[in-house]
Amino acid sequence: MVDSPCIGVCRIDPRAGLCVGCTRTTGEIALWRDATEAQRARILAELPSRRARLSSVWVPSKTPGPKQTGR
């Protein structure tokens, strides 16, 4: 059985339509449990090129740090 490519960073980039962790679409994520080995292999084969594409469009949101007080 082909293991899931999920790495636990489950956030969909709305511009790319891909999970920023595993680079699958929401449809592929939903299908994964019931997918055939051939379907899983096809999805996995597409992930490296998606990762490259996602890297060029995804900018992580910045969490504000502590305020600088200027002291």
PDB file of N, CA and C in Angstrom:
ATOM      1  N   MET A   1       0.837  -1.180   0.000  1.00  0.00           N
ATOM      2  CA  MET A   1       0.000   0.000   0.000  1.00  0.00           C
ATOM      3  C   MET A   1       0.884   1.248   0.000  1.00  0.00           C
ATOM      4  N   VAL A   2       0.504   2.240  -0.799  1.00  0.00           N
ATOM      5  CA  VAL A   2       1.258   3.483  -0.888  1.00  0.00           C
ATOM      6  C   VAL A   2       0.852   4.387   0.268  1.00  0.00           C
ATOM      7  N   ASP A   3       1.844   4.842   1.031  1.00  0.00           N
ATOM      8  CA  ASP A   3       1.579   5.721   2.163  1.00  0.00           C
ATOM      9  C   ASP A   3       1.136   7.099   1.696  1.00  0.00           C
ATOM     10  N   SER A   4       0.361   7.750   2.529  1.00  0.00           N
ATOM     11  CA  SER A   4      -0.085   9.107   2.248  1.00  0.00           C
ATOM     12  C   SER A   4       1.103  10.066   2.273  1.00  0.00           C
ATOM     13  N   PRO A   5       1.105  11.060   1.385  1.00  0.00           N
ATOM     14  CA  PRO A   5       2.180  12.044   1.395  1.00  0.00           C
ATOM     15  C   PRO A   5       1.952  13.151   2.433  1.00  0.00           C
ATOM     16  N   CYS A   6       0.903  13.028   3.231  1.00  0.00           N
ATOM     17  CA  CYS A   6       0.577  14.046   4.233  1.00  0.00           C
ATOM     18  C   CYS A   6       1.727  14.191   5.227  1.00  0.00           C
ATOM     19  N   ILE A   7       2.098  15.459   5.496  1.00  0.00           N
ATOM     20  CA  ILE A   7       3.151  15.723   6.476  1.00  0.00           C
ATOM     21  C   ILE A   7       2.607  16.498   7.678  1.00  0.00           C
ATOM     22  N   GLY A   8       1.283  16.619   7.743  1.00  0.00           N
ATOM     23  CA  GLY A   8       0.662  17.275   8.883  1.00  0.00           C
ATOM     24  C   GLY A   8       0.600  18.787   8.809  1.00  0.00           C
ATOM     25  N   VAL A   9       0.931  19.351   7.663  1.00  0.00           N
ATOM     26  CA  VAL A   9       0.809  20.793   7.444  1.00  0.00           C
ATOM     27  C   VAL A   9      -0.368  20.958   6.495  1.00  0.00           C
ATOM     28  N   CYS A  10      -1.551  20.956   7.062  1.00  0.00           N
ATOM     29  CA  CYS A  10      -2.778  20.890   6.259  1.00  0.00           C
ATOM     30  C   CYS A  10      -3.405  22.267   6.104  1.00  0.00           C
ATOM     31  N   ARG A  11      -2.995  22.931   5.019  1.00  0.00           N
ATOM     32  CA  ARG A  11      -3.492  24.268   4.722  1.00  0.00           C
ATOM     33  C   ARG A  11      -3.569  24.390   3.206  1.00  0.00           C
ATOM     34  N   ILE A  12      -4.731  24.749   2.693  1.00  0.00           N
ATOM     35  CA  ILE A  12      -4.914  24.867   1.245  1.00  0.00           C
ATOM     36  C   ILE A  12      -4.581  26.288   0.814  1.00  0.00           C
ATOM     37  N   ASP A  13      -3.686  26.394  -0.140  1.00  0.00           N
ATOM     38  CA  ASP A  13      -3.378  27.692  -0.725  1.00  0.00           C
ATOM     39  C   ASP A  13      -4.480  28.004  -1.731  1.00  0.00           C
ATOM     40  N   PRO A  14      -5.251  29.075  -1.517  1.00  0.00           N
ATOM     41  CA  PRO A  14      -6.383  29.344  -2.396  1.00  0.00           C
ATOM     42  C   PRO A  14      -5.985  29.692  -3.826  1.00  0.00           C
ATOM     43  N   ARG A  15      -4.819  30.273  -4.009  1.00  0.00           N
ATOM     44  CA  ARG A  15      -4.390  30.624  -5.374  1.00  0.00           C
ATOM     45  C   ARG A  15      -3.998  29.390  -6.168  1.00  0.00           C
ATOM     46  N   ALA A  16      -3.291  28.480  -5.536  1.00  0.00           N
ATOM     47  CA  ALA A  16      -2.823  27.278  -6.237  1.00  0.00           C
ATOM     48  C   ALA A  16      -3.834  26.143  -6.151  1.00  0.00           C
ATOM     49  N   GLY A  17      -4.707  26.173  -5.129  1.00  0.00           N
ATOM     50  CA  GLY A  17      -5.663  25.076  -4.945  1.00  0.00           C
ATOM     51  C   GLY A  17      -5.015  23.803  -4.452  1.00  0.00           C
ATOM     52  N   LEU A  18      -3.858  23.951  -3.803  1.00  0.00           N
ATOM     53  CA  LEU A  18      -3.090  22.800  -3.330  1.00  0.00           C
ATOM     54  C   LEU A  18      -2.795  22.939  -1.843  1.00  0.00           C
ATOM     55  N   CYS A  19      -2.689  21.795  -1.174  1.00  0.00           N
ATOM     56  CA  CYS A  19      -2.268  21.784   0.218  1.00  0.00           C
ATOM     57  C   CYS A  19      -0.792  22.179   0.256  1.00  0.00           C
ATOM     58  N   VAL A  20      -0.443  23.106   1.133  1.00  0.00           N
ATOM     59  CA  VAL A  20       0.955  23.547   1.203  1.00  0.00           C
ATOM     60  C   VAL A  20       1.857  22.490   1.821  1.00  0.00           C
ATOM     61  N   GLY A  21       1.290  21.501   2.485  1.00  0.00           N
ATOM     62  CA  GLY A  21       2.094  20.429   3.070  1.00  0.00           C
ATOM     63  C   GLY A  21       2.394  19.311   2.090  1.00  0.00           C
ATOM     64  N   CYS A  22       1.345  18.762   1.484  1.00  0.00           N
ATOM     65  CA  CYS A  22       1.531  17.584   0.624  1.00  0.00           C
ATOM     66  C   CYS A  22       1.357  17.877  -0.866  1.00  0.00           C
ATOM     67  N   THR A  23       0.888  19.029  -1.201  1.00  0.00           N
ATOM     68  CA  THR A  23       0.634  19.510  -2.575  1.00  0.00           C
ATOM     69  C   THR A  23      -0.460  18.746  -3.320  1.00  0.00           C
ATOM     70  N   ARG A  24      -1.333  18.067  -2.567  1.00  0.00           N
ATOM     71  CA  ARG A  24      -2.489  17.441  -3.215  1.00  0.00           C
ATOM     72  C   ARG A  24      -3.651  18.438  -3.253  1.00  0.00           C
ATOM     73  N   THR A  25      -4.590  18.196  -4.166  1.00  0.00           N
ATOM     74  CA  THR A  25      -5.815  18.978  -4.202  1.00  0.00           C
ATOM     75  C   THR A  25      -6.752  18.451  -3.121  1.00  0.00           C
ATOM     76  N   THR A  26      -7.787  19.217  -2.802  1.00  0.00           N
ATOM     77  CA  THR A  26      -8.741  18.742  -1.804  1.00  0.00           C
ATOM     78  C   THR A  26      -9.438  17.472  -2.291  1.00  0.00           C
ATOM     79  N   GLY A  27      -9.692  17.373  -3.584  1.00  0.00           N
ATOM     80  CA  GLY A  27     -10.306  16.166  -4.136  1.00  0.00           C
ATOM     81  C   GLY A  27      -9.420  14.945  -3.966  1.00  0.00           C
ATOM     82  N   GLU A  28      -8.129  15.120  -4.195  1.00  0.00           N
ATOM     83  CA  GLU A  28      -7.191  14.010  -4.034  1.00  0.00           C
ATOM     84  C   GLU A  28      -7.057  13.607  -2.571  1.00  0.00           C
ATOM     85  N   ILE A  29      -7.093  14.582  -1.689  1.00  0.00           N
ATOM     86  CA  ILE A  29      -7.012  14.277  -0.257  1.00  0.00           C
ATOM     87  C   ILE A  29      -8.232  13.460   0.156  1.00  0.00           C
ATOM     88  N   ALA A  30      -9.407  13.881  -0.307  1.00  0.00           N
ATOM     89  CA  ALA A  30     -10.645  13.170   0.029  1.00  0.00           C
ATOM     90  C   ALA A  30     -10.668  11.767  -0.574  1.00  0.00           C
ATOM     91  N   LEU A  31     -10.119  11.605  -1.763  1.00  0.00           N
ATOM     92  CA  LEU A  31     -10.119  10.326  -2.472  1.00  0.00           C
ATOM     93  C   LEU A  31      -9.102   9.339  -1.913  1.00  0.00           C
ATOM     94  N   TRP A  32      -8.043   9.838  -1.285  1.00  0.00           N
ATOM     95  CA  TRP A  32      -6.873   9.021  -0.958  1.00  0.00           C
ATOM     96  C   TRP A  32      -7.214   7.690  -0.298  1.00  0.00           C
ATOM     97  N   ARG A  33      -8.075   7.705   0.689  1.00  0.00           N
ATOM     98  CA  ARG A  33      -8.373   6.474   1.437  1.00  0.00           C
ATOM     99  C   ARG A  33      -8.950   5.388   0.531  1.00  0.00           C
ATOM    100  N   ASP A  34      -9.768   5.776  -0.430  1.00  0.00           N
ATOM    101  CA  ASP A  34     -10.425   4.808  -1.302  1.00  0.00           C
ATOM    102  C   ASP A  34      -9.758   4.675  -2.674  1.00  0.00           C
ATOM    103  N   ALA A  35      -8.684   5.394  -2.909  1.00  0.00           N
ATOM    104  CA  ALA A  35      -8.015   5.370  -4.215  1.00  0.00           C
ATOM    105  C   ALA A  35      -7.343   4.020  -4.459  1.00  0.00           C
ATOM    106  N   THR A  36      -7.268   3.660  -5.734  1.00  0.00           N
ATOM    107  CA  THR A  36      -6.530   2.453  -6.109  1.00  0.00           C
ATOM    108  C   THR A  36      -5.035   2.754  -6.019  1.00  0.00           C
ATOM    109  N   GLU A  37      -4.237   1.714  -6.016  1.00  0.00           N
ATOM    110  CA  GLU A  37      -2.783   1.902  -6.002  1.00  0.00           C
ATOM    111  C   GLU A  37      -2.332   2.702  -7.219  1.00  0.00           C
ATOM    112  N   ALA A  38      -2.962   2.462  -8.365  1.00  0.00           N
ATOM    113  CA  ALA A  38      -2.611   3.193  -9.588  1.00  0.00           C
ATOM    114  C   ALA A  38      -2.934   4.676  -9.446  1.00  0.00           C
ATOM    115  N   GLN A  39      -4.088   4.987  -8.858  1.00  0.00           N
ATOM    116  CA  GLN A  39      -4.450   6.393  -8.639  1.00  0.00           C
ATOM    117  C   GLN A  39      -3.466   7.061  -7.686  1.00  0.00           C
ATOM    118  N   ARG A  40      -3.115   6.368  -6.626  1.00  0.00           N
ATOM    119  CA  ARG A  40      -2.162   6.923  -5.668  1.00  0.00           C
ATOM    120  C   ARG A  40      -0.797   7.152  -6.315  1.00  0.00           C
ATOM    121  N   ALA A  41      -0.364   6.206  -7.114  1.00  0.00           N
ATOM    122  CA  ALA A  41       0.931   6.333  -7.793  1.00  0.00           C
ATOM    123  C   ALA A  41       0.916   7.531  -8.746  1.00  0.00           C
ATOM    124  N   ARG A  42      -0.197   7.726  -9.455  1.00  0.00           N
ATOM    125  CA  ARG A  42      -0.313   8.863 -10.383  1.00  0.00           C
ATOM    126  C   ARG A  42      -0.225  10.178  -9.615  1.00  0.00           C
ATOM    127  N   ILE A  43      -0.948  10.266  -8.506  1.00  0.00           N
ATOM    128  CA  ILE A  43      -0.923  11.478  -7.689  1.00  0.00           C
ATOM    129  C   ILE A  43       0.485  11.743  -7.174  1.00  0.00           C
ATOM    130  N   LEU A  44       1.126  10.715  -6.626  1.00  0.00           N
ATOM    131  CA  LEU A  44       2.476  10.874  -6.095  1.00  0.00           C
ATOM    132  C   LEU A  44       3.469  11.327  -7.164  1.00  0.00           C
ATOM    133  N   ALA A  45       3.289  10.839  -8.385  1.00  0.00           N
ATOM    134  CA  ALA A  45       4.193  11.206  -9.481  1.00  0.00           C
ATOM    135  C   ALA A  45       4.075  12.689  -9.831  1.00  0.00           C
ATOM    136  N   GLU A  46       2.917  13.283  -9.582  1.00  0.00           N
ATOM    137  CA  GLU A  46       2.692  14.694  -9.905  1.00  0.00           C
ATOM    138  C   GLU A  46       3.183  15.657  -8.821  1.00  0.00           C
ATOM    139  N   LEU A  47       3.410  15.158  -7.620  1.00  0.00           N
ATOM    140  CA  LEU A  47       3.722  16.041  -6.493  1.00  0.00           C
ATOM    141  C   LEU A  47       5.016  16.850  -6.640  1.00  0.00           C
ATOM    142  N   PRO A  48       6.111  16.304  -7.144  1.00  0.00           N
ATOM    143  CA  PRO A  48       7.334  17.123  -7.252  1.00  0.00           C
ATOM    144  C   PRO A  48       7.150  18.369  -8.129  1.00  0.00           C
ATOM    145  N   SER A  49       6.472  18.254  -9.254  1.00  0.00           N
ATOM    146  CA  SER A  49       6.283  19.434 -10.102  1.00  0.00           C
ATOM    147  C   SER A  49       5.324  20.420  -9.449  1.00  0.00           C
ATOM    148  N   ARG A  50       4.359  19.902  -8.713  1.00  0.00           N
ATOM    149  CA  ARG A  50       3.445  20.790  -7.987  1.00  0.00           C
ATOM    150  C   ARG A  50       4.185  21.548  -6.898  1.00  0.00           C
ATOM    151  N   ARG A  51       5.096  20.868  -6.208  1.00  0.00           N
ATOM    152  CA  ARG A  51       5.871  21.511  -5.143  1.00  0.00           C
ATOM    153  C   ARG A  51       6.632  22.702  -5.717  1.00  0.00           C
ATOM    154  N   ALA A  52       7.231  22.512  -6.887  1.00  0.00           N
ATOM    155  CA  ALA A  52       7.969  23.602  -7.527  1.00  0.00           C
ATOM    156  C   ALA A  52       7.014  24.745  -7.879  1.00  0.00           C
ATOM    157  N   ARG A  53       5.852  24.422  -8.403  1.00  0.00           N
ATOM    158  CA  ARG A  53       4.872  25.444  -8.773  1.00  0.00           C
ATOM    159  C   ARG A  53       4.354  26.158  -7.528  1.00  0.00           C
ATOM    160  N   LEU A  54       4.066  25.414  -6.487  1.00  0.00           N
ATOM    161  CA  LEU A  54       3.544  26.000  -5.255  1.00  0.00           C
ATOM    162  C   LEU A  54       4.585  26.922  -4.616  1.00  0.00           C
ATOM    163  N   SER A  55       5.838  26.542  -4.661  1.00  0.00           N
ATOM    164  CA  SER A  55       6.894  27.366  -4.082  1.00  0.00           C
ATOM    165  C   SER A  55       6.943  28.738  -4.727  1.00  0.00           C
ATOM    166  N   SER A  56       6.581  28.808  -5.993  1.00  0.00           N
ATOM    167  CA  SER A  56       6.663  30.084  -6.695  1.00  0.00           C
ATOM    168  C   SER A  56       5.455  30.983  -6.429  1.00  0.00           C
ATOM    169  N   VAL A  57       4.351  30.418  -5.910  1.00  0.00           N
ATOM    170  CA  VAL A  57       3.167  31.245  -5.667  1.00  0.00           C
ATOM    171  C   VAL A  57       2.799  31.382  -4.207  1.00  0.00           C
ATOM    172  N   TRP A  58       3.259  30.468  -3.354  1.00  0.00           N
ATOM    173  CA  TRP A  58       2.825  30.486  -1.955  1.00  0.00           C
ATOM    174  C   TRP A  58       3.746  31.340  -1.113  1.00  0.00           C
ATOM    175  N   VAL A  59       3.156  32.275  -0.402  1.00  0.00           N
ATOM    176  CA  VAL A  59       3.885  33.091   0.550  1.00  0.00           C
ATOM    177  C   VAL A  59       3.235  32.857   1.895  1.00  0.00           C
ATOM    178  N   PRO A  60       3.958  32.273   2.850  1.00  0.00           N
ATOM    179  CA  PRO A  60       3.346  31.992   4.152  1.00  0.00           C
ATOM    180  C   PRO A  60       2.879  33.277   4.819  1.00  0.00           C
ATOM    181  N   SER A  61       1.752  33.169   5.515  1.00  0.00           N
ATOM    182  CA  SER A  61       1.269  34.338   6.238  1.00  0.00           C
ATOM    183  C   SER A  61       2.229  34.618   7.379  1.00  0.00           C
ATOM    184  N   LYS A  62       2.425  35.863   7.646  1.00  0.00           N
ATOM    185  CA  LYS A  62       3.351  36.247   8.708  1.00  0.00           C
ATOM    186  C   LYS A  62       2.576  36.450   9.989  1.00  0.00           C
ATOM    187  N   THR A  63       3.003  35.780  11.010  1.00  0.00           N
ATOM    188  CA  THR A  63       2.401  35.957  12.321  1.00  0.00           C
ATOM    189  C   THR A  63       3.119  37.114  12.999  1.00  0.00           C
ATOM    190  N   PRO A  64       2.357  38.122  13.418  1.00  0.00           N
ATOM    191  CA  PRO A  64       3.033  39.252  14.044  1.00  0.00           C
ATOM    192  C   PRO A  64       3.768  38.835  15.312  1.00  0.00           C
ATOM    193  N   GLY A  65       4.957  39.322  15.446  1.00  0.00           N
ATOM    194  CA  GLY A  65       5.743  39.046  16.640  1.00  0.00           C
ATOM    195  C   GLY A  65       5.428  40.069  17.715  1.00  0.00           C
ATOM    196  N   PRO A  66       6.193  40.070  18.781  1.00  0.00           N
ATOM    197  CA  PRO A  66       5.978  41.048  19.842  1.00  0.00           C
ATOM    198  C   PRO A  66       6.193  42.457  19.319  1.00  0.00           C
ATOM    199  N   LYS A  67       5.425  43.396  19.843  1.00  0.00           N
ATOM    200  CA  LYS A  67       5.569  44.786  19.411  1.00  0.00           C
ATOM    201  C   LYS A  67       6.913  45.350  19.879  1.00  0.00           C
ATOM    202  N   GLN A  68       7.509  46.102  19.003  1.00  0.00           N
ATOM    203  CA  GLN A  68       8.745  46.802  19.360  1.00  0.00           C
ATOM    204  C   GLN A  68       8.344  48.097  20.049  1.00  0.00           C
ATOM    205  N   THR A  69       8.939  48.389  21.155  1.00  0.00           N
ATOM    206  CA  THR A  69       8.534  49.560  21.922  1.00  0.00           C
ATOM    207  C   THR A  69       9.427  50.773  21.674  1.00  0.00           C
ATOM    208  N   GLY A  70      10.548  50.612  21.049  1.00  0.00           N
ATOM    209  CA  GLY A  70      11.433  51.741  20.755  1.00  0.00           C
ATOM    210  C   GLY A  70      12.197  52.275  21.959  1.00  0.00           C
ATOM    211  N   ARG A  71      12.288  51.485  23.001  1.00  0.00           N
ATOM    212  CA  ARG A  71      13.049  51.923  24.197  1.00  0.00           C
ATOM    213  C   ARG A  71      14.511  51.786  23.984  1.00  0.00           C
TER     214      ARG A  71
END
